[in-house]
Amino acid sequence: MLMRFSAALAAMLVLMLAPAATAKDRLNFTEGTAVSLPTLTGLAVKGGGKVTVSPGDGYSVTVVEGGEKVVLFRDGNALQIECARPCRGNITRIIEVTAPSGGVMTNLAVAGGGSITIADGFDSVSELNAAVVGGGALQAFDLRATDVNAAVTGGGSIQVNVSGDLSAAIVGGGSIVYDGTPADISRSTIGGGSIGPR
């Protein structure tokens, strides 16, 4: 389990901390208008923003508010939502993402603030990989997963619903809260933090 968890965490950190995508990967959008996307397996929020993922007819992203401070990138099968530089001020950024009920993204990451909330209505998934680095929140109580790999570094929170194996790690504070009845829990905390049931 530790090997699988390490590989999942490494994949999430690459997704979150990769340099900004090239110009060809940048998505053009108009605030309030949905942009259709091909299949997505990953979603990352960097530098703030409130992102909600809901069931829909296909994959799409809509910047509802704060479009002047949002940059969207597509990197392979992952959507990256970032704060436009300079990332300052009190601008609210609200983004809505849709995915088919049987095709929700299972690699989720928040870095440097912001949040991802997974709405109810998605089919159960076999594995969910979730990471928060440098603050932020990931709320996935409504997404039932067999196995979950969750990591928080430098503060933040992750909420998941798990029935199989839960691998949870916290470094430098934060919390991982789980719903459901995990069959096995592997946990590690360094520098504070809590891992426990809802």
N, C-alpha and C. Protein backbone atom coordinates (compact mmCIF):
# COMPACT_ATOMS: atom_id res chain seq x y z
N MET A 1 0.81 -1.19 0.00
CA MET A 1 0.00 0.00 0.00
C MET A 1 0.86 1.26 0.00
N LEU A 2 1.95 1.28 0.77
CA LEU A 2 2.80 2.45 0.83
C LEU A 2 3.39 2.78 -0.54
N MET A 3 3.76 1.78 -1.32
CA MET A 3 4.30 1.99 -2.65
C MET A 3 3.26 2.65 -3.54
N ARG A 4 2.02 2.14 -3.50
CA ARG A 4 0.95 2.70 -4.31
C ARG A 4 0.68 4.13 -3.88
N PHE A 5 0.67 4.39 -2.57
CA PHE A 5 0.42 5.72 -2.06
C PHE A 5 1.51 6.68 -2.51
N SER A 6 2.77 6.26 -2.44
CA SER A 6 3.88 7.12 -2.85
C SER A 6 3.78 7.48 -4.33
N ALA A 7 3.41 6.51 -5.16
CA ALA A 7 3.27 6.77 -6.60
C ALA A 7 2.13 7.74 -6.84
N ALA A 8 1.01 7.57 -6.13
CA ALA A 8 -0.14 8.47 -6.31
C ALA A 8 0.21 9.88 -5.85
N LEU A 9 0.90 10.00 -4.72
CA LEU A 9 1.29 11.31 -4.22
C LEU A 9 2.24 11.99 -5.19
N ALA A 10 3.20 11.25 -5.72
CA ALA A 10 4.14 11.82 -6.69
C ALA A 10 3.39 12.32 -7.93
N ALA A 11 2.42 11.56 -8.40
CA ALA A 11 1.65 11.98 -9.57
C ALA A 11 0.87 13.26 -9.28
N MET A 12 0.29 13.37 -8.08
CA MET A 12 -0.47 14.57 -7.72
C MET A 12 0.44 15.78 -7.62
N LEU A 13 1.62 15.60 -7.03
CA LEU A 13 2.53 16.73 -6.90
C LEU A 13 3.01 17.21 -8.26
N VAL A 14 3.24 16.30 -9.18
CA VAL A 14 3.63 16.70 -10.54
C VAL A 14 2.50 17.51 -11.17
N LEU A 15 1.27 17.06 -11.01
CA LEU A 15 0.12 17.77 -11.56
C LEU A 15 0.02 19.16 -10.98
N MET A 16 0.21 19.31 -9.67
CA MET A 16 0.04 20.60 -9.02
C MET A 16 1.20 21.55 -9.24
N LEU A 17 2.40 21.03 -9.23
CA LEU A 17 3.55 21.91 -9.20
C LEU A 17 4.27 22.05 -10.53
N ALA A 18 3.71 21.45 -11.58
CA ALA A 18 4.33 21.57 -12.90
C ALA A 18 4.32 23.03 -13.33
N PRO A 19 5.32 23.45 -14.10
CA PRO A 19 5.33 24.83 -14.58
C PRO A 19 4.11 25.09 -15.44
N ALA A 20 3.75 26.36 -15.58
CA ALA A 20 2.59 26.73 -16.38
C ALA A 20 2.70 26.13 -17.77
N ALA A 21 1.55 25.73 -18.29
CA ALA A 21 1.52 25.10 -19.60
C ALA A 21 1.89 26.10 -20.69
N THR A 22 2.25 25.59 -21.84
CA THR A 22 2.59 26.45 -22.96
C THR A 22 1.33 27.10 -23.51
N ALA A 23 1.51 28.09 -24.39
CA ALA A 23 0.38 28.84 -24.93
C ALA A 23 -0.64 27.93 -25.61
N LYS A 24 -0.18 26.87 -26.28
CA LYS A 24 -1.12 26.00 -26.99
C LYS A 24 -2.03 25.23 -26.04
N ASP A 25 -1.65 25.12 -24.77
CA ASP A 25 -2.46 24.41 -23.79
C ASP A 25 -3.45 25.33 -23.07
N ARG A 26 -3.31 26.62 -23.28
CA ARG A 26 -4.19 27.57 -22.60
C ARG A 26 -5.56 27.55 -23.25
N LEU A 27 -6.61 27.55 -22.41
CA LEU A 27 -7.98 27.53 -22.92
C LEU A 27 -8.55 28.94 -22.94
N ASN A 28 -9.14 29.32 -24.05
CA ASN A 28 -9.83 30.61 -24.14
C ASN A 28 -11.24 30.44 -23.60
N PHE A 29 -11.74 31.45 -22.90
CA PHE A 29 -13.09 31.37 -22.36
C PHE A 29 -13.69 32.76 -22.27
N THR A 30 -15.00 32.79 -22.20
CA THR A 30 -15.77 34.00 -21.92
C THR A 30 -16.51 33.74 -20.62
N GLU A 31 -16.40 34.67 -19.68
CA GLU A 31 -17.06 34.49 -18.39
C GLU A 31 -18.54 34.18 -18.59
N GLY A 32 -19.01 33.13 -17.91
CA GLY A 32 -20.41 32.74 -17.97
C GLY A 32 -20.75 31.77 -19.09
N THR A 33 -19.78 31.44 -19.93
CA THR A 33 -20.02 30.52 -21.05
C THR A 33 -19.22 29.24 -20.85
N ALA A 34 -19.89 28.10 -21.03
CA ALA A 34 -19.23 26.81 -20.83
C ALA A 34 -18.26 26.51 -21.97
N VAL A 35 -17.12 25.97 -21.63
CA VAL A 35 -16.13 25.50 -22.60
C VAL A 35 -16.14 23.98 -22.55
N SER A 36 -16.48 23.33 -23.67
CA SER A 36 -16.51 21.87 -23.72
C SER A 36 -15.09 21.32 -23.75
N LEU A 37 -14.90 20.18 -23.10
CA LEU A 37 -13.58 19.56 -23.00
C LEU A 37 -13.68 18.08 -23.31
N PRO A 38 -12.58 17.48 -23.80
CA PRO A 38 -12.56 16.02 -23.93
C PRO A 38 -12.43 15.38 -22.55
N THR A 39 -12.34 14.08 -22.50
CA THR A 39 -12.28 13.34 -21.24
C THR A 39 -11.21 13.90 -20.31
N LEU A 40 -11.59 14.07 -19.04
CA LEU A 40 -10.67 14.54 -18.00
C LEU A 40 -10.54 13.49 -16.92
N THR A 41 -9.32 13.28 -16.44
CA THR A 41 -9.10 12.39 -15.30
C THR A 41 -8.51 13.14 -14.10
N GLY A 42 -8.04 14.38 -14.33
CA GLY A 42 -7.41 15.15 -13.26
C GLY A 42 -7.91 16.58 -13.23
N LEU A 43 -7.89 17.18 -12.03
CA LEU A 43 -8.29 18.57 -11.84
C LEU A 43 -7.39 19.17 -10.77
N ALA A 44 -6.77 20.32 -11.09
CA ALA A 44 -5.91 21.01 -10.13
C ALA A 44 -6.31 22.47 -10.04
N VAL A 45 -6.35 23.01 -8.82
CA VAL A 45 -6.63 24.42 -8.57
C VAL A 45 -5.39 25.00 -7.91
N LYS A 46 -4.85 26.07 -8.51
CA LYS A 46 -3.65 26.70 -7.96
C LYS A 46 -3.91 28.17 -7.69
N GLY A 47 -3.61 28.62 -6.47
CA GLY A 47 -3.67 30.05 -6.17
C GLY A 47 -5.05 30.59 -5.88
N GLY A 48 -5.97 29.73 -5.52
CA GLY A 48 -7.29 30.20 -5.10
C GLY A 48 -8.37 29.95 -6.13
N GLY A 49 -9.59 30.13 -5.68
CA GLY A 49 -10.76 29.90 -6.51
C GLY A 49 -11.64 28.85 -5.88
N LYS A 50 -12.95 29.02 -6.08
CA LYS A 50 -13.93 28.06 -5.56
C LYS A 50 -14.44 27.26 -6.74
N VAL A 51 -14.11 25.96 -6.77
CA VAL A 51 -14.46 25.10 -7.89
C VAL A 51 -15.44 24.03 -7.42
N THR A 52 -16.54 23.90 -8.15
CA THR A 52 -17.53 22.86 -7.88
C THR A 52 -17.59 21.95 -9.09
N VAL A 53 -17.55 20.63 -8.83
CA VAL A 53 -17.66 19.63 -9.90
C VAL A 53 -19.01 18.95 -9.75
N SER A 54 -19.83 19.04 -10.81
CA SER A 54 -21.18 18.48 -10.78
C SER A 54 -21.39 17.54 -11.96
N PRO A 55 -22.34 16.58 -11.82
CA PRO A 55 -22.65 15.71 -12.95
C PRO A 55 -23.28 16.52 -14.09
N GLY A 56 -22.93 16.15 -15.31
CA GLY A 56 -23.47 16.81 -16.49
C GLY A 56 -23.45 15.87 -17.67
N ASP A 57 -23.81 16.40 -18.85
CA ASP A 57 -23.85 15.58 -20.06
C ASP A 57 -22.45 15.24 -20.59
N GLY A 58 -21.48 16.07 -20.26
CA GLY A 58 -20.12 15.86 -20.74
C GLY A 58 -19.16 16.67 -19.88
N TYR A 59 -17.92 16.78 -20.35
CA TYR A 59 -16.90 17.54 -19.62
C TYR A 59 -16.94 18.99 -20.08
N SER A 60 -17.02 19.91 -19.12
CA SER A 60 -16.99 21.33 -19.46
C SER A 60 -16.51 22.13 -18.26
N VAL A 61 -16.11 23.37 -18.53
CA VAL A 61 -15.73 24.29 -17.47
C VAL A 61 -16.36 25.65 -17.77
N THR A 62 -16.91 26.27 -16.73
CA THR A 62 -17.51 27.59 -16.84
C THR A 62 -16.94 28.48 -15.75
N VAL A 63 -16.35 29.60 -16.14
CA VAL A 63 -15.90 30.59 -15.17
C VAL A 63 -17.11 31.49 -14.91
N VAL A 64 -17.67 31.38 -13.71
CA VAL A 64 -18.90 32.09 -13.36
C VAL A 64 -18.60 33.51 -12.92
N GLU A 65 -17.53 33.69 -12.14
CA GLU A 65 -17.20 35.00 -11.59
C GLU A 65 -15.69 35.13 -11.44
N GLY A 66 -15.18 36.34 -11.64
CA GLY A 66 -13.76 36.62 -11.47
C GLY A 66 -12.90 36.20 -12.64
N GLY A 67 -13.47 36.17 -13.81
CA GLY A 67 -12.76 35.71 -15.01
C GLY A 67 -11.48 36.46 -15.32
N GLU A 68 -11.42 37.73 -14.90
CA GLU A 68 -10.20 38.51 -15.17
C GLU A 68 -9.00 38.00 -14.39
N LYS A 69 -9.25 37.18 -13.39
CA LYS A 69 -8.16 36.63 -12.58
C LYS A 69 -8.09 35.11 -12.66
N VAL A 70 -8.57 34.52 -13.77
CA VAL A 70 -8.54 33.07 -13.94
C VAL A 70 -7.83 32.73 -15.24
N VAL A 71 -6.96 31.73 -15.16
CA VAL A 71 -6.31 31.18 -16.34
C VAL A 71 -6.60 29.68 -16.34
N LEU A 72 -7.03 29.16 -17.49
CA LEU A 72 -7.34 27.74 -17.63
C LEU A 72 -6.33 27.08 -18.56
N PHE A 73 -5.83 25.92 -18.14
CA PHE A 73 -4.92 25.15 -18.96
C PHE A 73 -5.43 23.72 -19.06
N ARG A 74 -5.18 23.09 -20.18
CA ARG A 74 -5.42 21.65 -20.31
C ARG A 74 -4.07 21.00 -20.52
N ASP A 75 -3.72 20.07 -19.65
CA ASP A 75 -2.45 19.37 -19.72
C ASP A 75 -2.76 17.87 -19.80
N GLY A 76 -2.74 17.33 -21.01
CA GLY A 76 -3.14 15.93 -21.19
C GLY A 76 -4.60 15.79 -20.83
N ASN A 77 -4.89 14.89 -19.89
CA ASN A 77 -6.28 14.69 -19.45
C ASN A 77 -6.58 15.43 -18.15
N ALA A 78 -5.81 16.46 -17.85
CA ALA A 78 -6.01 17.22 -16.62
C ALA A 78 -6.37 18.67 -16.94
N LEU A 79 -7.28 19.22 -16.15
CA LEU A 79 -7.64 20.63 -16.24
C LEU A 79 -6.96 21.35 -15.08
N GLN A 80 -6.22 22.42 -15.39
CA GLN A 80 -5.58 23.23 -14.36
C GLN A 80 -6.24 24.60 -14.34
N ILE A 81 -6.68 25.01 -13.16
CA ILE A 81 -7.32 26.31 -12.96
C ILE A 81 -6.38 27.12 -12.09
N GLU A 82 -5.89 28.25 -12.62
CA GLU A 82 -4.89 29.03 -11.90
C GLU A 82 -5.33 30.47 -11.77
N CYS A 83 -4.73 31.15 -10.81
CA CYS A 83 -4.94 32.58 -10.63
C CYS A 83 -4.04 33.32 -11.61
N ALA A 84 -4.63 34.26 -12.36
CA ALA A 84 -3.84 35.05 -13.31
C ALA A 84 -2.87 35.94 -12.54
N ARG A 85 -1.67 36.06 -13.04
CA ARG A 85 -0.64 36.87 -12.38
C ARG A 85 -0.75 38.32 -12.80
N PRO A 86 -0.51 39.29 -11.93
CA PRO A 86 -0.20 39.07 -10.52
C PRO A 86 -1.46 38.65 -9.78
N CYS A 87 -1.30 37.69 -8.91
CA CYS A 87 -2.44 37.11 -8.19
C CYS A 87 -2.62 37.85 -6.87
N ARG A 88 -3.25 39.02 -6.96
CA ARG A 88 -3.44 39.83 -5.76
C ARG A 88 -4.89 40.30 -5.70
N GLY A 89 -5.25 40.82 -4.56
CA GLY A 89 -6.57 41.43 -4.43
C GLY A 89 -7.61 40.47 -3.90
N ASN A 90 -8.77 41.02 -3.68
CA ASN A 90 -9.87 40.27 -3.12
C ASN A 90 -10.89 39.92 -4.19
N ILE A 91 -10.48 39.33 -5.27
CA ILE A 91 -11.39 38.98 -6.35
C ILE A 91 -11.89 37.56 -6.12
N THR A 92 -13.19 37.41 -6.08
CA THR A 92 -13.80 36.09 -5.94
C THR A 92 -13.74 35.38 -7.28
N ARG A 93 -13.27 34.14 -7.26
CA ARG A 93 -13.21 33.34 -8.48
C ARG A 93 -14.08 32.10 -8.27
N ILE A 94 -15.15 32.00 -9.06
CA ILE A 94 -16.06 30.87 -8.96
C ILE A 94 -16.06 30.14 -10.29
N ILE A 95 -15.78 28.85 -10.24
CA ILE A 95 -15.67 28.05 -11.46
C ILE A 95 -16.53 26.80 -11.29
N GLU A 96 -17.30 26.47 -12.33
CA GLU A 96 -18.10 25.25 -12.33
C GLU A 96 -17.55 24.29 -13.38
N VAL A 97 -17.35 23.05 -12.97
CA VAL A 97 -16.85 21.99 -13.86
C VAL A 97 -17.92 20.90 -13.91
N THR A 98 -18.18 20.36 -15.10
CA THR A 98 -19.09 19.23 -15.20
C THR A 98 -18.34 18.02 -15.74
N ALA A 99 -18.86 16.85 -15.39
CA ALA A 99 -18.33 15.57 -15.90
C ALA A 99 -19.50 14.59 -15.93
N PRO A 100 -19.46 13.61 -16.83
CA PRO A 100 -20.52 12.59 -16.84
C PRO A 100 -20.56 11.88 -15.49
N SER A 101 -21.75 11.40 -15.10
CA SER A 101 -21.90 10.77 -13.79
C SER A 101 -20.97 9.57 -13.62
N GLY A 102 -20.60 8.92 -14.72
CA GLY A 102 -19.69 7.78 -14.65
C GLY A 102 -18.26 8.13 -14.97
N GLY A 103 -17.92 9.43 -15.04
CA GLY A 103 -16.58 9.82 -15.46
C GLY A 103 -15.97 10.96 -14.67
N VAL A 104 -16.27 11.02 -13.37
CA VAL A 104 -15.72 12.10 -12.55
C VAL A 104 -14.19 11.99 -12.49
N MET A 105 -13.50 13.12 -12.38
CA MET A 105 -12.04 13.14 -12.25
C MET A 105 -11.65 12.48 -10.93
N THR A 106 -10.62 11.62 -10.97
CA THR A 106 -10.22 10.90 -9.75
C THR A 106 -8.83 11.31 -9.26
N ASN A 107 -8.22 12.29 -9.90
CA ASN A 107 -6.95 12.86 -9.44
C ASN A 107 -7.21 14.34 -9.18
N LEU A 108 -7.29 14.71 -7.91
CA LEU A 108 -7.70 16.06 -7.52
C LEU A 108 -6.61 16.71 -6.68
N ALA A 109 -6.34 18.00 -6.97
CA ALA A 109 -5.28 18.69 -6.24
C ALA A 109 -5.62 20.16 -6.05
N VAL A 110 -5.27 20.67 -4.87
CA VAL A 110 -5.41 22.10 -4.57
C VAL A 110 -4.06 22.57 -4.05
N ALA A 111 -3.55 23.68 -4.59
CA ALA A 111 -2.27 24.23 -4.15
C ALA A 111 -2.38 25.73 -3.93
N GLY A 112 -1.91 26.20 -2.79
CA GLY A 112 -1.86 27.64 -2.54
C GLY A 112 -3.21 28.27 -2.33
N GLY A 113 -4.15 27.55 -1.76
CA GLY A 113 -5.47 28.10 -1.48
C GLY A 113 -6.48 27.70 -2.53
N GLY A 114 -7.74 27.92 -2.16
CA GLY A 114 -8.83 27.55 -3.05
C GLY A 114 -9.50 26.29 -2.57
N SER A 115 -10.51 25.85 -3.34
CA SER A 115 -11.24 24.66 -2.94
C SER A 115 -11.81 23.93 -4.15
N ILE A 116 -11.97 22.63 -3.97
CA ILE A 116 -12.69 21.79 -4.91
C ILE A 116 -13.77 21.07 -4.11
N THR A 117 -15.02 21.15 -4.58
CA THR A 117 -16.13 20.43 -3.97
C THR A 117 -16.73 19.52 -5.03
N ILE A 118 -16.84 18.24 -4.71
CA ILE A 118 -17.47 17.27 -5.60
C ILE A 118 -18.93 17.12 -5.17
N ALA A 119 -19.85 17.46 -6.08
CA ALA A 119 -21.27 17.39 -5.78
C ALA A 119 -21.77 15.95 -5.79
N ASP A 120 -22.93 15.74 -5.24
CA ASP A 120 -23.56 14.43 -5.23
C ASP A 120 -24.04 14.06 -6.64
N GLY A 121 -24.16 12.75 -6.91
CA GLY A 121 -24.72 12.31 -8.18
C GLY A 121 -23.76 11.55 -9.06
N PHE A 122 -22.50 11.42 -8.64
CA PHE A 122 -21.52 10.67 -9.43
C PHE A 122 -21.54 9.20 -9.02
N ASP A 123 -21.23 8.32 -9.99
CA ASP A 123 -21.07 6.90 -9.70
C ASP A 123 -19.87 6.71 -8.77
N SER A 124 -19.85 5.61 -8.04
CA SER A 124 -18.70 5.27 -7.20
C SER A 124 -17.47 5.06 -8.07
N VAL A 125 -16.29 5.33 -7.49
CA VAL A 125 -15.02 5.14 -8.20
C VAL A 125 -14.18 4.11 -7.47
N SER A 126 -13.29 3.44 -8.20
CA SER A 126 -12.44 2.44 -7.55
C SER A 126 -11.30 3.08 -6.78
N GLU A 127 -10.79 4.23 -7.26
CA GLU A 127 -9.67 4.88 -6.57
C GLU A 127 -9.77 6.39 -6.72
N LEU A 128 -9.46 7.09 -5.63
CA LEU A 128 -9.43 8.55 -5.61
C LEU A 128 -8.09 8.99 -5.06
N ASN A 129 -7.42 9.88 -5.78
CA ASN A 129 -6.16 10.46 -5.33
C ASN A 129 -6.41 11.93 -5.06
N ALA A 130 -6.13 12.39 -3.82
CA ALA A 130 -6.42 13.76 -3.42
C ALA A 130 -5.23 14.36 -2.70
N ALA A 131 -4.88 15.60 -3.08
CA ALA A 131 -3.74 16.27 -2.44
C ALA A 131 -4.04 17.75 -2.25
N VAL A 132 -3.62 18.28 -1.10
CA VAL A 132 -3.69 19.72 -0.83
C VAL A 132 -2.31 20.15 -0.36
N VAL A 133 -1.77 21.18 -0.99
CA VAL A 133 -0.44 21.69 -0.65
C VAL A 133 -0.53 23.19 -0.41
N GLY A 134 -0.06 23.65 0.75
CA GLY A 134 0.00 25.09 1.01
C GLY A 134 -1.35 25.73 1.25
N GLY A 135 -2.28 24.99 1.79
CA GLY A 135 -3.59 25.53 2.11
C GLY A 135 -4.63 25.24 1.05
N GLY A 136 -5.86 25.16 1.51
CA GLY A 136 -6.97 24.88 0.61
C GLY A 136 -7.81 23.75 1.15
N ALA A 137 -8.88 23.43 0.41
CA ALA A 137 -9.81 22.40 0.86
C ALA A 137 -10.29 21.58 -0.31
N LEU A 138 -10.45 20.30 -0.04
CA LEU A 138 -10.99 19.37 -1.03
C LEU A 138 -12.11 18.59 -0.35
N GLN A 139 -13.36 18.81 -0.81
CA GLN A 139 -14.51 18.20 -0.17
C GLN A 139 -15.11 17.16 -1.11
N ALA A 140 -14.99 15.88 -0.74
CA ALA A 140 -15.49 14.80 -1.60
C ALA A 140 -16.28 13.76 -0.79
N PHE A 141 -17.00 14.22 0.24
CA PHE A 141 -17.83 13.29 1.01
C PHE A 141 -18.88 12.62 0.14
N ASP A 142 -19.37 13.32 -0.90
CA ASP A 142 -20.44 12.79 -1.74
C ASP A 142 -19.95 11.86 -2.85
N LEU A 143 -18.65 11.67 -2.97
CA LEU A 143 -18.09 10.77 -3.98
C LEU A 143 -17.60 9.50 -3.28
N ARG A 144 -18.31 8.41 -3.47
CA ARG A 144 -17.92 7.15 -2.84
C ARG A 144 -16.76 6.52 -3.60
N ALA A 145 -15.70 6.19 -2.88
CA ALA A 145 -14.51 5.58 -3.47
C ALA A 145 -14.15 4.31 -2.71
N THR A 146 -13.68 3.30 -3.44
CA THR A 146 -13.23 2.09 -2.77
C THR A 146 -11.93 2.40 -2.03
N ASP A 147 -10.90 2.82 -2.78
CA ASP A 147 -9.60 3.14 -2.18
C ASP A 147 -9.30 4.62 -2.35
N VAL A 148 -8.69 5.22 -1.30
CA VAL A 148 -8.36 6.65 -1.33
C VAL A 148 -6.91 6.84 -0.90
N ASN A 149 -6.19 7.66 -1.66
CA ASN A 149 -4.86 8.13 -1.30
C ASN A 149 -4.99 9.62 -1.08
N ALA A 150 -4.73 10.10 0.14
CA ALA A 150 -4.92 11.51 0.47
C ALA A 150 -3.68 12.05 1.16
N ALA A 151 -3.26 13.26 0.77
CA ALA A 151 -2.08 13.88 1.38
C ALA A 151 -2.31 15.38 1.52
N VAL A 152 -1.95 15.91 2.70
CA VAL A 152 -1.99 17.34 2.97
C VAL A 152 -0.60 17.77 3.40
N THR A 153 -0.09 18.81 2.77
CA THR A 153 1.23 19.35 3.13
C THR A 153 1.10 20.85 3.35
N GLY A 154 1.55 21.34 4.51
CA GLY A 154 1.54 22.78 4.76
C GLY A 154 0.17 23.35 5.01
N GLY A 155 -0.72 22.58 5.57
CA GLY A 155 -2.05 23.07 5.92
C GLY A 155 -3.09 22.77 4.87
N GLY A 156 -4.33 22.72 5.31
CA GLY A 156 -5.44 22.44 4.42
C GLY A 156 -6.23 21.25 4.91
N SER A 157 -7.29 20.94 4.16
CA SER A 157 -8.15 19.83 4.59
C SER A 157 -8.65 19.02 3.40
N ILE A 158 -8.83 17.73 3.63
CA ILE A 158 -9.40 16.81 2.65
C ILE A 158 -10.50 16.03 3.34
N GLN A 159 -11.65 15.91 2.66
CA GLN A 159 -12.78 15.13 3.16
C GLN A 159 -13.14 14.10 2.10
N VAL A 160 -13.16 12.83 2.48
CA VAL A 160 -13.40 11.76 1.51
C VAL A 160 -14.40 10.74 2.06
N ASN A 161 -14.91 9.89 1.16
CA ASN A 161 -15.82 8.81 1.52
C ASN A 161 -15.19 7.53 0.99
N VAL A 162 -14.80 6.63 1.89
CA VAL A 162 -14.00 5.46 1.50
C VAL A 162 -14.55 4.18 2.12
N SER A 163 -14.50 3.08 1.34
CA SER A 163 -14.95 1.80 1.85
C SER A 163 -13.84 0.75 1.88
N GLY A 164 -12.76 0.98 1.16
CA GLY A 164 -11.67 0.01 1.09
C GLY A 164 -10.46 0.49 1.86
N ASP A 165 -9.34 0.69 1.15
CA ASP A 165 -8.09 1.13 1.79
C ASP A 165 -7.97 2.65 1.77
N LEU A 166 -7.61 3.21 2.91
CA LEU A 166 -7.34 4.65 3.03
C LEU A 166 -5.87 4.83 3.37
N SER A 167 -5.14 5.50 2.50
CA SER A 167 -3.76 5.90 2.78
C SER A 167 -3.78 7.40 2.98
N ALA A 168 -3.43 7.86 4.19
CA ALA A 168 -3.54 9.27 4.54
C ALA A 168 -2.23 9.76 5.15
N ALA A 169 -1.74 10.90 4.65
CA ALA A 169 -0.50 11.48 5.17
C ALA A 169 -0.65 12.99 5.31
N ILE A 170 -0.13 13.51 6.41
CA ILE A 170 -0.14 14.96 6.65
C ILE A 170 1.26 15.37 7.08
N VAL A 171 1.77 16.42 6.46
CA VAL A 171 3.06 17.00 6.83
C VAL A 171 2.84 18.50 7.06
N GLY A 172 3.18 18.99 8.25
CA GLY A 172 3.09 20.42 8.51
C GLY A 172 1.69 20.92 8.78
N GLY A 173 0.83 20.08 9.31
CA GLY A 173 -0.50 20.50 9.72
C GLY A 173 -1.56 20.27 8.66
N GLY A 174 -2.79 20.17 9.15
CA GLY A 174 -3.92 19.95 8.27
C GLY A 174 -4.80 18.85 8.79
N SER A 175 -5.82 18.50 7.99
CA SER A 175 -6.72 17.43 8.42
C SER A 175 -7.19 16.61 7.24
N ILE A 176 -7.40 15.32 7.50
CA ILE A 176 -8.03 14.40 6.56
C ILE A 176 -9.16 13.73 7.33
N VAL A 177 -10.38 13.95 6.85
CA VAL A 177 -11.57 13.42 7.50
C VAL A 177 -12.23 12.45 6.53
N TYR A 178 -12.62 11.28 7.03
CA TYR A 178 -13.24 10.30 6.16
C TYR A 178 -14.62 9.91 6.65
N ASP A 179 -15.48 9.65 5.66
CA ASP A 179 -16.80 9.09 5.89
C ASP A 179 -16.74 7.65 5.39
N GLY A 180 -17.66 6.82 5.82
CA GLY A 180 -17.63 5.42 5.41
C GLY A 180 -16.88 4.58 6.43
N THR A 181 -16.65 3.32 6.06
CA THR A 181 -15.97 2.38 6.94
C THR A 181 -14.80 1.76 6.21
N PRO A 182 -13.63 2.41 6.25
CA PRO A 182 -12.48 1.85 5.54
C PRO A 182 -12.11 0.46 6.06
N ALA A 183 -11.75 -0.42 5.14
CA ALA A 183 -11.30 -1.77 5.53
C ALA A 183 -9.93 -1.71 6.17
N ASP A 184 -9.08 -0.79 5.71
CA ASP A 184 -7.73 -0.66 6.24
C ASP A 184 -7.31 0.80 6.16
N ILE A 185 -6.63 1.29 7.19
CA ILE A 185 -6.16 2.67 7.22
C ILE A 185 -4.67 2.69 7.46
N SER A 186 -3.93 3.35 6.55
CA SER A 186 -2.50 3.59 6.72
C SER A 186 -2.35 5.09 6.91
N ARG A 187 -1.83 5.52 8.06
CA ARG A 187 -1.78 6.96 8.34
C ARG A 187 -0.40 7.38 8.81
N SER A 188 -0.06 8.63 8.47
CA SER A 188 1.20 9.21 8.89
C SER A 188 1.01 10.71 9.08
N THR A 189 1.47 11.24 10.22
CA THR A 189 1.45 12.69 10.43
C THR A 189 2.83 13.13 10.91
N ILE A 190 3.32 14.20 10.34
CA ILE A 190 4.59 14.80 10.74
C ILE A 190 4.34 16.29 10.92
N GLY A 191 4.63 16.82 12.10
CA GLY A 191 4.47 18.24 12.33
C GLY A 191 3.04 18.64 12.58
N GLY A 192 2.23 17.75 13.10
CA GLY A 192 0.85 18.08 13.46
C GLY A 192 -0.13 17.70 12.38
N GLY A 193 -1.39 17.66 12.81
CA GLY A 193 -2.47 17.31 11.89
C GLY A 193 -3.32 16.21 12.45
N SER A 194 -4.50 16.03 11.86
CA SER A 194 -5.41 15.00 12.34
C SER A 194 -5.99 14.19 11.19
N ILE A 195 -6.12 12.90 11.43
CA ILE A 195 -6.73 11.96 10.48
C ILE A 195 -7.77 11.19 11.26
N GLY A 196 -9.04 11.29 10.85
CA GLY A 196 -10.06 10.59 11.60
C GLY A 196 -11.40 10.61 10.91
N PRO A 197 -12.39 9.92 11.55
CA PRO A 197 -13.73 9.82 10.97
C PRO A 197 -14.49 11.14 11.10
N ARG A 198 -15.51 11.26 10.29
CA ARG A 198 -16.39 12.44 10.28
C ARG A 198 -17.13 12.56 11.59
